[in-house]
Amino acid sequence: MKDYRNPSFQERVGRAAAAKQKAIDALKARPVPDEATLAVRRAAAEARAAAQAEKRAAALAAKAEAEAARTAAAEQEAAGRLSSEEARQAARDARYAARKARK
């Protein structure tokens, strides 16, 4: 009598083949989605892609705006035209814009 904890090579190969066949049968038995379902899925995927593209464009615009604000503040500060209050406001605006760009 064979020990159930130590199956032979042939038994392991047989079990693996049976499991593989069972998985293939389950895959073949899966119902094929109808055209309406596929159309809904495609529409949802396109909507997600459009939303992601819009979000990316908004992030790039916010990043460009923050960079422009940072550059303008640096130029004005370099020229010595900003008072300390205006410098703080410009730095704050740049931080806000950078934070918004990260989201």
PDB file of N, CA and C in Angstrom:
ATOM      1  N   MET A   1       0.833  -1.176   0.000  1.00  0.00           N
ATOM      2  CA  MET A   1       0.000   0.000   0.000  1.00  0.00           C
ATOM      3  C   MET A   1       0.880   1.243   0.000  1.00  0.00           C
ATOM      4  N   LYS A   2       0.569   2.185  -0.907  1.00  0.00           N
ATOM      5  CA  LYS A   2       1.383   3.388  -1.027  1.00  0.00           C
ATOM      6  C   LYS A   2       1.003   4.389   0.045  1.00  0.00           C
ATOM      7  N   ASP A   3       1.993   5.164   0.429  1.00  0.00           N
ATOM      8  CA  ASP A   3       1.783   6.222   1.417  1.00  0.00           C
ATOM      9  C   ASP A   3       1.125   7.416   0.720  1.00  0.00           C
ATOM     10  N   TYR A   4       0.042   7.923   1.253  1.00  0.00           N
ATOM     11  CA  TYR A   4      -0.670   9.004   0.582  1.00  0.00           C
ATOM     12  C   TYR A   4       0.117  10.311   0.611  1.00  0.00           C
ATOM     13  N   ARG A   5       1.079  10.432   1.464  1.00  0.00           N
ATOM     14  CA  ARG A   5       1.875  11.656   1.546  1.00  0.00           C
ATOM     15  C   ARG A   5       3.028  11.670   0.550  1.00  0.00           C
ATOM     16  N   ASN A   6       3.299  10.567  -0.075  1.00  0.00           N
ATOM     17  CA  ASN A   6       4.417  10.488  -0.986  1.00  0.00           C
ATOM     18  C   ASN A   6       3.929   9.904  -2.311  1.00  0.00           C
ATOM     19  N   PRO A   7       3.205  10.698  -3.110  1.00  0.00           N
ATOM     20  CA  PRO A   7       2.698  10.159  -4.375  1.00  0.00           C
ATOM     21  C   PRO A   7       3.845   9.961  -5.364  1.00  0.00           C
ATOM     22  N   SER A   8       3.655   9.032  -6.244  1.00  0.00           N
ATOM     23  CA  SER A   8       4.682   8.777  -7.244  1.00  0.00           C
ATOM     24  C   SER A   8       4.665   9.876  -8.301  1.00  0.00           C
ATOM     25  N   PHE A   9       5.661   9.873  -9.138  1.00  0.00           N
ATOM     26  CA  PHE A   9       5.757  10.872 -10.200  1.00  0.00           C
ATOM     27  C   PHE A   9       4.559  10.785 -11.138  1.00  0.00           C
ATOM     28  N   GLN A  10       4.179   9.554 -11.471  1.00  0.00           N
ATOM     29  CA  GLN A  10       3.053   9.354 -12.384  1.00  0.00           C
ATOM     30  C   GLN A  10       1.751   9.898 -11.788  1.00  0.00           C
ATOM     31  N   GLU A  11       1.557   9.718 -10.497  1.00  0.00           N
ATOM     32  CA  GLU A  11       0.357  10.244  -9.845  1.00  0.00           C
ATOM     33  C   GLU A  11       0.349  11.774  -9.878  1.00  0.00           C
ATOM     34  N   ARG A  12       1.496  12.381  -9.608  1.00  0.00           N
ATOM     35  CA  ARG A  12       1.578  13.854  -9.626  1.00  0.00           C
ATOM     36  C   ARG A  12       1.324  14.397 -11.020  1.00  0.00           C
ATOM     37  N   VAL A  13       1.884  13.755 -12.036  1.00  0.00           N
ATOM     38  CA  VAL A  13       1.670  14.182 -13.421  1.00  0.00           C
ATOM     39  C   VAL A  13       0.200  14.032 -13.789  1.00  0.00           C
ATOM     40  N   GLY A  14      -0.404  12.927 -13.367  1.00  0.00           N
ATOM     41  CA  GLY A  14      -1.831  12.699 -13.648  1.00  0.00           C
ATOM     42  C   GLY A  14      -2.709  13.745 -12.993  1.00  0.00           C
ATOM     43  N   ARG A  15      -2.418  14.090 -11.749  1.00  0.00           N
ATOM     44  CA  ARG A  15      -3.200  15.121 -11.050  1.00  0.00           C
ATOM     45  C   ARG A  15      -3.020  16.483 -11.697  1.00  0.00           C
ATOM     46  N   ALA A  16      -1.797  16.785 -12.116  1.00  0.00           N
ATOM     47  CA  ALA A  16      -1.541  18.074 -12.773  1.00  0.00           C
ATOM     48  C   ALA A  16      -2.297  18.155 -14.095  1.00  0.00           C
ATOM     49  N   ALA A  17      -2.297  17.065 -14.843  1.00  0.00           N
ATOM     50  CA  ALA A  17      -3.020  17.046 -16.122  1.00  0.00           C
ATOM     51  C   ALA A  17      -4.519  17.188 -15.890  1.00  0.00           C
ATOM     52  N   ALA A  18      -5.028  16.532 -14.856  1.00  0.00           N
ATOM     53  CA  ALA A  18      -6.459  16.639 -14.557  1.00  0.00           C
ATOM     54  C   ALA A  18      -6.818  18.056 -14.139  1.00  0.00           C
ATOM     55  N   ALA A  19      -5.978  18.681 -13.340  1.00  0.00           N
ATOM     56  CA  ALA A  19      -6.242  20.055 -12.912  1.00  0.00           C
ATOM     57  C   ALA A  19      -6.192  21.012 -14.097  1.00  0.00           C
ATOM     58  N   LYS A  20      -5.240  20.788 -14.989  1.00  0.00           N
ATOM     59  CA  LYS A  20      -5.133  21.630 -16.176  1.00  0.00           C
ATOM     60  C   LYS A  20      -6.363  21.470 -17.065  1.00  0.00           C
ATOM     61  N   GLN A  21      -6.808  20.247 -17.253  1.00  0.00           N
ATOM     62  CA  GLN A  21      -7.993  20.000 -18.075  1.00  0.00           C
ATOM     63  C   GLN A  21      -9.231  20.619 -17.432  1.00  0.00           C
ATOM     64  N   LYS A  22      -9.325  20.557 -16.119  1.00  0.00           N
ATOM     65  CA  LYS A  22     -10.459  21.147 -15.410  1.00  0.00           C
ATOM     66  C   LYS A  22     -10.472  22.666 -15.602  1.00  0.00           C
ATOM     67  N   ALA A  23      -9.305  23.301 -15.535  1.00  0.00           N
ATOM     68  CA  ALA A  23      -9.216  24.743 -15.746  1.00  0.00           C
ATOM     69  C   ALA A  23      -9.588  25.109 -17.178  1.00  0.00           C
ATOM     70  N   ILE A  24      -9.141  24.332 -18.136  1.00  0.00           N
ATOM     71  CA  ILE A  24      -9.478  24.583 -19.546  1.00  0.00           C
ATOM     72  C   ILE A  24     -10.972  24.438 -19.772  1.00  0.00           C
ATOM     73  N   ASP A  25     -11.571  23.393 -19.183  1.00  0.00           N
ATOM     74  CA  ASP A  25     -13.017  23.190 -19.321  1.00  0.00           C
ATOM     75  C   ASP A  25     -13.800  24.351 -18.704  1.00  0.00           C
ATOM     76  N   ALA A  26     -13.344  24.836 -17.548  1.00  0.00           N
ATOM     77  CA  ALA A  26     -14.022  25.958 -16.905  1.00  0.00           C
ATOM     78  C   ALA A  26     -13.906  27.209 -17.762  1.00  0.00           C
ATOM     79  N   LEU A  27     -12.768  27.407 -18.388  1.00  0.00           N
ATOM     80  CA  LEU A  27     -12.572  28.568 -19.249  1.00  0.00           C
ATOM     81  C   LEU A  27     -13.457  28.481 -20.488  1.00  0.00           C
ATOM     82  N   LYS A  28     -13.560  27.312 -21.061  1.00  0.00           N
ATOM     83  CA  LYS A  28     -14.405  27.129 -22.247  1.00  0.00           C
ATOM     84  C   LYS A  28     -15.889  27.264 -21.915  1.00  0.00           C
ATOM     85  N   ALA A  29     -16.277  26.909 -20.697  1.00  0.00           N
ATOM     86  CA  ALA A  29     -17.678  26.965 -20.290  1.00  0.00           C
ATOM     87  C   ALA A  29     -18.121  28.385 -19.946  1.00  0.00           C
ATOM     88  N   ARG A  30     -17.178  29.287 -19.813  1.00  0.00           N
ATOM     89  CA  ARG A  30     -17.513  30.661 -19.456  1.00  0.00           C
ATOM     90  C   ARG A  30     -18.337  31.297 -20.570  1.00  0.00           C
ATOM     91  N   PRO A  31     -19.419  31.996 -20.223  1.00  0.00           N
ATOM     92  CA  PRO A  31     -20.261  32.586 -21.272  1.00  0.00           C
ATOM     93  C   PRO A  31     -19.546  33.746 -21.972  1.00  0.00           C
ATOM     94  N   VAL A  32     -19.787  33.861 -23.255  1.00  0.00           N
ATOM     95  CA  VAL A  32     -19.198  34.940 -24.053  1.00  0.00           C
ATOM     96  C   VAL A  32     -20.055  36.187 -23.851  1.00  0.00           C
ATOM     97  N   PRO A  33     -19.438  37.329 -23.519  1.00  0.00           N
ATOM     98  CA  PRO A  33     -20.241  38.542 -23.324  1.00  0.00           C
ATOM     99  C   PRO A  33     -20.873  38.988 -24.640  1.00  0.00           C
ATOM    100  N   ASP A  34     -22.092  39.504 -24.524  1.00  0.00           N
ATOM    101  CA  ASP A  34     -22.784  39.940 -25.734  1.00  0.00           C
ATOM    102  C   ASP A  34     -22.251  41.304 -26.183  1.00  0.00           C
ATOM    103  N   GLU A  35     -22.660  41.724 -27.360  1.00  0.00           N
ATOM    104  CA  GLU A  35     -22.136  42.949 -27.970  1.00  0.00           C
ATOM    105  C   GLU A  35     -22.504  44.191 -27.153  1.00  0.00           C
ATOM    106  N   ALA A  36     -23.668  44.192 -26.536  1.00  0.00           N
ATOM    107  CA  ALA A  36     -24.089  45.350 -25.727  1.00  0.00           C
ATOM    108  C   ALA A  36     -23.178  45.527 -24.513  1.00  0.00           C
ATOM    109  N   THR A  37     -22.850  44.426 -23.869  1.00  0.00           N
ATOM    110  CA  THR A  37     -21.954  44.489 -22.715  1.00  0.00           C
ATOM    111  C   THR A  37     -20.578  44.986 -23.134  1.00  0.00           C
ATOM    112  N   LEU A  38     -20.088  44.480 -24.251  1.00  0.00           N
ATOM    113  CA  LEU A  38     -18.786  44.919 -24.745  1.00  0.00           C
ATOM    114  C   LEU A  38     -18.806  46.402 -25.088  1.00  0.00           C
ATOM    115  N   ALA A  39     -19.894  46.896 -25.652  1.00  0.00           N
ATOM    116  CA  ALA A  39     -20.007  48.313 -25.990  1.00  0.00           C
ATOM    117  C   ALA A  39     -19.989  49.165 -24.731  1.00  0.00           C
ATOM    118  N   VAL A  40     -20.670  48.716 -23.695  1.00  0.00           N
ATOM    119  CA  VAL A  40     -20.671  49.455 -22.422  1.00  0.00           C
ATOM    120  C   VAL A  40     -19.266  49.482 -21.836  1.00  0.00           C
ATOM    121  N   ARG A  41     -18.586  48.362 -21.886  1.00  0.00           N
ATOM    122  CA  ARG A  41     -17.212  48.307 -21.361  1.00  0.00           C
ATOM    123  C   ARG A  41     -16.282  49.225 -22.146  1.00  0.00           C
ATOM    124  N   ARG A  42     -16.421  49.225 -23.477  1.00  0.00           N
ATOM    125  CA  ARG A  42     -15.582  50.109 -24.293  1.00  0.00           C
ATOM    126  C   ARG A  42     -15.857  51.563 -23.972  1.00  0.00           C
ATOM    127  N   ALA A  43     -17.124  51.923 -23.815  1.00  0.00           N
ATOM    128  CA  ALA A  43     -17.493  53.306 -23.499  1.00  0.00           C
ATOM    129  C   ALA A  43     -16.925  53.721 -22.140  1.00  0.00           C
ATOM    130  N   ALA A  44     -16.987  52.821 -21.175  1.00  0.00           N
ATOM    131  CA  ALA A  44     -16.446  53.118 -19.851  1.00  0.00           C
ATOM    132  C   ALA A  44     -14.928  53.296 -19.917  1.00  0.00           C
ATOM    133  N   ALA A  45     -14.256  52.465 -20.696  1.00  0.00           N
ATOM    134  CA  ALA A  45     -12.801  52.576 -20.837  1.00  0.00           C
ATOM    135  C   ALA A  45     -12.424  53.889 -21.506  1.00  0.00           C
ATOM    136  N   GLU A  46     -13.184  54.276 -22.536  1.00  0.00           N
ATOM    137  CA  GLU A  46     -12.910  55.550 -23.210  1.00  0.00           C
ATOM    138  C   GLU A  46     -13.162  56.730 -22.280  1.00  0.00           C
ATOM    139  N   ALA A  47     -14.200  56.647 -21.456  1.00  0.00           N
ATOM    140  CA  ALA A  47     -14.486  57.717 -20.500  1.00  0.00           C
ATOM    141  C   ALA A  47     -13.368  57.831 -19.471  1.00  0.00           C
ATOM    142  N   ARG A  48     -12.863  56.682 -19.000  1.00  0.00           N
ATOM    143  CA  ARG A  48     -11.741  56.712 -18.051  1.00  0.00           C
ATOM    144  C   ARG A  48     -10.508  57.319 -18.690  1.00  0.00           C
ATOM    145  N   ALA A  49     -10.230  56.942 -19.930  1.00  0.00           N
ATOM    146  CA  ALA A  49      -9.054  57.479 -20.621  1.00  0.00           C
ATOM    147  C   ALA A  49      -9.193  58.984 -20.826  1.00  0.00           C
ATOM    148  N   ALA A  50     -10.383  59.449 -21.173  1.00  0.00           N
ATOM    149  CA  ALA A  50     -10.597  60.885 -21.362  1.00  0.00           C
ATOM    150  C   ALA A  50     -10.437  61.632 -20.044  1.00  0.00           C
ATOM    151  N   ALA A  51     -10.948  61.069 -18.958  1.00  0.00           N
ATOM    152  CA  ALA A  51     -10.815  61.712 -17.648  1.00  0.00           C
ATOM    153  C   ALA A  51      -9.349  61.777 -17.219  1.00  0.00           C
ATOM    154  N   GLN A  52      -8.612  60.709 -17.477  1.00  0.00           N
ATOM    155  CA  GLN A  52      -7.194  60.708 -17.131  1.00  0.00           C
ATOM    156  C   GLN A  52      -6.424  61.734 -17.956  1.00  0.00           C
ATOM    157  N   ALA A  53      -6.750  61.846 -19.246  1.00  0.00           N
ATOM    158  CA  ALA A  53      -6.079  62.817 -20.097  1.00  0.00           C
ATOM    159  C   ALA A  53      -6.395  64.239 -19.634  1.00  0.00           C
ATOM    160  N   GLU A  54      -7.637  64.475 -19.264  1.00  0.00           N
ATOM    161  CA  GLU A  54      -8.023  65.799 -18.780  1.00  0.00           C
ATOM    162  C   GLU A  54      -7.303  66.124 -17.471  1.00  0.00           C
ATOM    163  N   LYS A  55      -7.206  65.144 -16.601  1.00  0.00           N
ATOM    164  CA  LYS A  55      -6.519  65.352 -15.326  1.00  0.00           C
ATOM    165  C   LYS A  55      -5.034  65.640 -15.556  1.00  0.00           C
ATOM    166  N   ARG A  56      -4.428  64.893 -16.491  1.00  0.00           N
ATOM    167  CA  ARG A  56      -3.015  65.140 -16.815  1.00  0.00           C
ATOM    168  C   ARG A  56      -2.815  66.537 -17.377  1.00  0.00           C
ATOM    169  N   ALA A  57      -3.723  66.960 -18.264  1.00  0.00           N
ATOM    170  CA  ALA A  57      -3.614  68.291 -18.856  1.00  0.00           C
ATOM    171  C   ALA A  57      -3.763  69.368 -17.790  1.00  0.00           C
ATOM    172  N   ALA A  58      -4.690  69.170 -16.859  1.00  0.00           N
ATOM    173  CA  ALA A  58      -4.874  70.143 -15.782  1.00  0.00           C
ATOM    174  C   ALA A  58      -3.640  70.197 -14.884  1.00  0.00           C
ATOM    175  N   ALA A  59      -3.056  69.048 -14.613  1.00  0.00           N
ATOM    176  CA  ALA A  59      -1.851  69.009 -13.783  1.00  0.00           C
ATOM    177  C   ALA A  59      -0.700  69.715 -14.480  1.00  0.00           C
ATOM    178  N   LEU A  60      -0.558  69.488 -15.780  1.00  0.00           N
ATOM    179  CA  LEU A  60       0.509  70.163 -16.514  1.00  0.00           C
ATOM    180  C   LEU A  60       0.294  71.673 -16.540  1.00  0.00           C
ATOM    181  N   ALA A  61      -0.959  72.095 -16.695  1.00  0.00           N
ATOM    182  CA  ALA A  61      -1.255  73.522 -16.705  1.00  0.00           C
ATOM    183  C   ALA A  61      -0.965  74.138 -15.343  1.00  0.00           C
ATOM    184  N   ALA A  62      -1.349  73.448 -14.274  1.00  0.00           N
ATOM    185  CA  ALA A  62      -1.078  73.955 -12.931  1.00  0.00           C
ATOM    186  C   ALA A  62       0.423  74.005 -12.668  1.00  0.00           C
ATOM    187  N   LYS A  63       1.125  72.998 -13.150  1.00  0.00           N
ATOM    188  CA  LYS A  63       2.580  72.977 -12.966  1.00  0.00           C
ATOM    189  C   LYS A  63       3.236  74.125 -13.717  1.00  0.00           C
ATOM    190  N   ALA A  64       2.777  74.369 -14.943  1.00  0.00           N
ATOM    191  CA  ALA A  64       3.324  75.473 -15.724  1.00  0.00           C
ATOM    192  C   ALA A  64       3.002  76.811 -15.060  1.00  0.00           C
ATOM    193  N   GLU A  65       1.795  76.918 -14.524  1.00  0.00           N
ATOM    194  CA  GLU A  65       1.407  78.150 -13.837  1.00  0.00           C
ATOM    195  C   GLU A  65       2.261  78.369 -12.598  1.00  0.00           C
ATOM    196  N   ALA A  66       2.503  77.315 -11.847  1.00  0.00           N
ATOM    197  CA  ALA A  66       3.340  77.423 -10.653  1.00  0.00           C
ATOM    198  C   ALA A  66       4.764  77.807 -11.027  1.00  0.00           C
ATOM    199  N   GLU A  67       5.268  77.207 -12.082  1.00  0.00           N
ATOM    200  CA  GLU A  67       6.623  77.536 -12.536  1.00  0.00           C
ATOM    201  C   GLU A  67       6.706  78.988 -12.989  1.00  0.00           C
ATOM    202  N   ALA A  68       5.672  79.443 -13.690  1.00  0.00           N
ATOM    203  CA  ALA A  68       5.654  80.842 -14.133  1.00  0.00           C
ATOM    204  C   ALA A  68       5.597  81.781 -12.941  1.00  0.00           C
ATOM    205  N   ALA A  69       4.777  81.451 -11.944  1.00  0.00           N
ATOM    206  CA  ALA A  69       4.691  82.289 -10.744  1.00  0.00           C
ATOM    207  C   ALA A  69       6.021  82.297 -10.001  1.00  0.00           C
ATOM    208  N   ARG A  70       6.648  81.130  -9.916  1.00  0.00           N
ATOM    209  CA  ARG A  70       7.940  81.036  -9.233  1.00  0.00           C
ATOM    210  C   ARG A  70       9.000  81.846  -9.975  1.00  0.00           C
ATOM    211  N   THR A  71       8.991  81.748 -11.291  1.00  0.00           N
ATOM    212  CA  THR A  71       9.961  82.494 -12.096  1.00  0.00           C
ATOM    213  C   THR A  71       9.735  83.988 -11.976  1.00  0.00           C
ATOM    214  N   ALA A  72       8.468  84.398 -12.044  1.00  0.00           N
ATOM    215  CA  ALA A  72       8.165  85.829 -11.927  1.00  0.00           C
ATOM    216  C   ALA A  72       8.568  86.360 -10.563  1.00  0.00           C
ATOM    217  N   ALA A  73       8.306  85.583  -9.524  1.00  0.00           N
ATOM    218  CA  ALA A  73       8.687  86.011  -8.184  1.00  0.00           C
ATOM    219  C   ALA A  73      10.198  86.104  -8.056  1.00  0.00           C
ATOM    220  N   ALA A  74      10.894  85.149  -8.638  1.00  0.00           N
ATOM    221  CA  ALA A  74      12.359  85.171  -8.556  1.00  0.00           C
ATOM    222  C   ALA A  74      12.932  86.362  -9.318  1.00  0.00           C
ATOM    223  N   GLU A  75      12.348  86.669 -10.480  1.00  0.00           N
ATOM    224  CA  GLU A  75      12.829  87.810 -11.260  1.00  0.00           C
ATOM    225  C   GLU A  75      12.582  89.122 -10.528  1.00  0.00           C
ATOM    226  N   GLN A  76      11.392  89.267  -9.970  1.00  0.00           N
ATOM    227  CA  GLN A  76      11.085  90.504  -9.269  1.00  0.00           C
ATOM    228  C   GLN A  76      11.914  90.634  -7.996  1.00  0.00           C
ATOM    229  N   GLU A  77      12.120  89.531  -7.336  1.00  0.00           N
ATOM    230  CA  GLU A  77      12.928  89.582  -6.121  1.00  0.00           C
ATOM    231  C   GLU A  77      14.375  89.900  -6.463  1.00  0.00           C
ATOM    232  N   ALA A  78      14.846  89.359  -7.565  1.00  0.00           N
ATOM    233  CA  ALA A  78      16.217  89.640  -7.985  1.00  0.00           C
ATOM    234  C   ALA A  78      16.376  91.113  -8.337  1.00  0.00           C
ATOM    235  N   ALA A  79      15.349  91.702  -8.895  1.00  0.00           N
ATOM    236  CA  ALA A  79      15.405  93.118  -9.248  1.00  0.00           C
ATOM    237  C   ALA A  79      15.211  94.001  -8.021  1.00  0.00           C
ATOM    238  N   GLY A  80      14.818  93.412  -6.933  1.00  0.00           N
ATOM    239  CA  GLY A  80      14.654  94.173  -5.708  1.00  0.00           C
ATOM    240  C   GLY A  80      13.371  94.972  -5.668  1.00  0.00           C
ATOM    241  N   ARG A  81      12.403  94.614  -6.489  1.00  0.00           N
ATOM    242  CA  ARG A  81      11.171  95.382  -6.551  1.00  0.00           C
ATOM    243  C   ARG A  81      10.098  94.884  -5.592  1.00  0.00           C
ATOM    244  N   LEU A  82      10.303  93.755  -4.960  1.00  0.00           N
ATOM    245  CA  LEU A  82       9.282  93.211  -4.076  1.00  0.00           C
ATOM    246  C   LEU A  82       9.544  93.601  -2.629  1.00  0.00           C
ATOM    247  N   SER A  83       8.504  94.006  -1.975  1.00  0.00           N
ATOM    248  CA  SER A  83       8.630  94.222  -0.542  1.00  0.00           C
ATOM    249  C   SER A  83       8.567  92.864   0.139  1.00  0.00           C
ATOM    250  N   SER A  84       8.808  92.815   1.392  1.00  0.00           N
ATOM    251  CA  SER A  84       8.812  91.533   2.090  1.00  0.00           C
ATOM    252  C   SER A  84       7.422  90.907   2.085  1.00  0.00           C
ATOM    253  N   GLU A  85       6.372  91.712   2.189  1.00  0.00           N
ATOM    254  CA  GLU A  85       5.005  91.184   2.159  1.00  0.00           C
ATOM    255  C   GLU A  85       4.688  90.584   0.794  1.00  0.00           C
ATOM    256  N   GLU A  86       5.034  91.245  -0.267  1.00  0.00           N
ATOM    257  CA  GLU A  86       4.789  90.731  -1.614  1.00  0.00           C
ATOM    258  C   GLU A  86       5.597  89.463  -1.870  1.00  0.00           C
ATOM    259  N   ALA A  87       6.798  89.400  -1.340  1.00  0.00           N
ATOM    260  CA  ALA A  87       7.634  88.206  -1.508  1.00  0.00           C
ATOM    261  C   ALA A  87       6.988  87.010  -0.807  1.00  0.00           C
ATOM    262  N   ARG A  88       6.461  87.233   0.403  1.00  0.00           N
ATOM    263  CA  ARG A  88       5.791  86.161   1.132  1.00  0.00           C
ATOM    264  C   ARG A  88       4.553  85.688   0.369  1.00  0.00           C
ATOM    265  N   GLN A  89       3.798  86.643  -0.177  1.00  0.00           N
ATOM    266  CA  GLN A  89       2.598  86.270  -0.932  1.00  0.00           C
ATOM    267  C   GLN A  89       2.958  85.487  -2.192  1.00  0.00           C
ATOM    268  N   ALA A  90       3.996  85.908  -2.879  1.00  0.00           N
ATOM    269  CA  ALA A  90       4.410  85.204  -4.092  1.00  0.00           C
ATOM    270  C   ALA A  90       4.896  83.796  -3.763  1.00  0.00           C
ATOM    271  N   ALA A  91       5.650  83.656  -2.675  1.00  0.00           N
ATOM    272  CA  ALA A  91       6.133  82.336  -2.268  1.00  0.00           C
ATOM    273  C   ALA A  91       4.955  81.439  -1.868  1.00  0.00           C
ATOM    274  N   ARG A  92       3.982  82.016  -1.167  1.00  0.00           N
ATOM    275  CA  ARG A  92       2.799  81.261  -0.764  1.00  0.00           C
ATOM    276  C   ARG A  92       2.019  80.805  -1.992  1.00  0.00           C
ATOM    277  N   ASP A  93       1.835  81.701  -2.961  1.00  0.00           N
ATOM    278  CA  ASP A  93       1.119  81.352  -4.182  1.00  0.00           C
ATOM    279  C   ASP A  93       1.836  80.233  -4.937  1.00  0.00           C
ATOM    280  N   ALA A  94       3.153  80.293  -4.965  1.00  0.00           N
ATOM    281  CA  ALA A  94       3.924  79.249  -5.647  1.00  0.00           C
ATOM    282  C   ALA A  94       3.758  77.911  -4.933  1.00  0.00           C
ATOM    283  N   ARG A  95       3.756  77.927  -3.595  1.00  0.00           N
ATOM    284  CA  ARG A  95       3.557  76.679  -2.841  1.00  0.00           C
ATOM    285  C   ARG A  95       2.169  76.112  -3.090  1.00  0.00           C
ATOM    286  N   TYR A  96       1.152  76.969  -3.075  1.00  0.00           N
ATOM    287  CA  TYR A  96      -0.214  76.508  -3.333  1.00  0.00           C
ATOM    288  C   TYR A  96      -0.326  75.897  -4.727  1.00  0.00           C
ATOM    289  N   ALA A  97       0.261  76.572  -5.703  1.00  0.00           N
ATOM    290  CA  ALA A  97       0.179  76.066  -7.070  1.00  0.00           C
ATOM    291  C   ALA A  97       0.912  74.730  -7.193  1.00  0.00           C
ATOM    292  N   ALA A  98       2.055  74.595  -6.519  1.00  0.00           N
ATOM    293  CA  ALA A  98       2.799  73.344  -6.561  1.00  0.00           C
ATOM    294  C   ALA A  98       2.004  72.221  -5.893  1.00  0.00           C
ATOM    295  N   ARG A  99       1.335  72.524  -4.781  1.00  0.00           N
ATOM    296  CA  ARG A  99       0.530  71.531  -4.093  1.00  0.00           C
ATOM    297  C   ARG A  99      -0.638  71.099  -4.974  1.00  0.00           C
ATOM    298  N   LYS A 100      -1.252  72.066  -5.643  1.00  0.00           N
ATOM    299  CA  LYS A 100      -2.375  71.747  -6.516  1.00  0.00           C
ATOM    300  C   LYS A 100      -1.903  70.897  -7.704  1.00  0.00           C
ATOM    301  N   ALA A 101      -0.710  71.146  -8.187  1.00  0.00           N
ATOM    302  CA  ALA A 101      -0.164  70.371  -9.306  1.00  0.00           C
ATOM    303  C   ALA A 101       0.103  68.919  -8.921  1.00  0.00           C
ATOM    304  N   ARG A 102       0.426  68.687  -7.653  1.00  0.00           N
ATOM    305  CA  ARG A 102       0.699  67.331  -7.197  1.00  0.00           C
ATOM    306  C   ARG A 102      -0.548  66.486  -7.122  1.00  0.00           C
ATOM    307  N   LYS A 103      -1.716  67.114  -6.929  1.00  0.00           N
ATOM    308  CA  LYS A 103      -2.966  66.357  -6.755  1.00  0.00           C
ATOM    309  C   LYS A 103      -3.493  65.860  -8.029  1.00  0.00           C
TER     310      LYS A 103
END
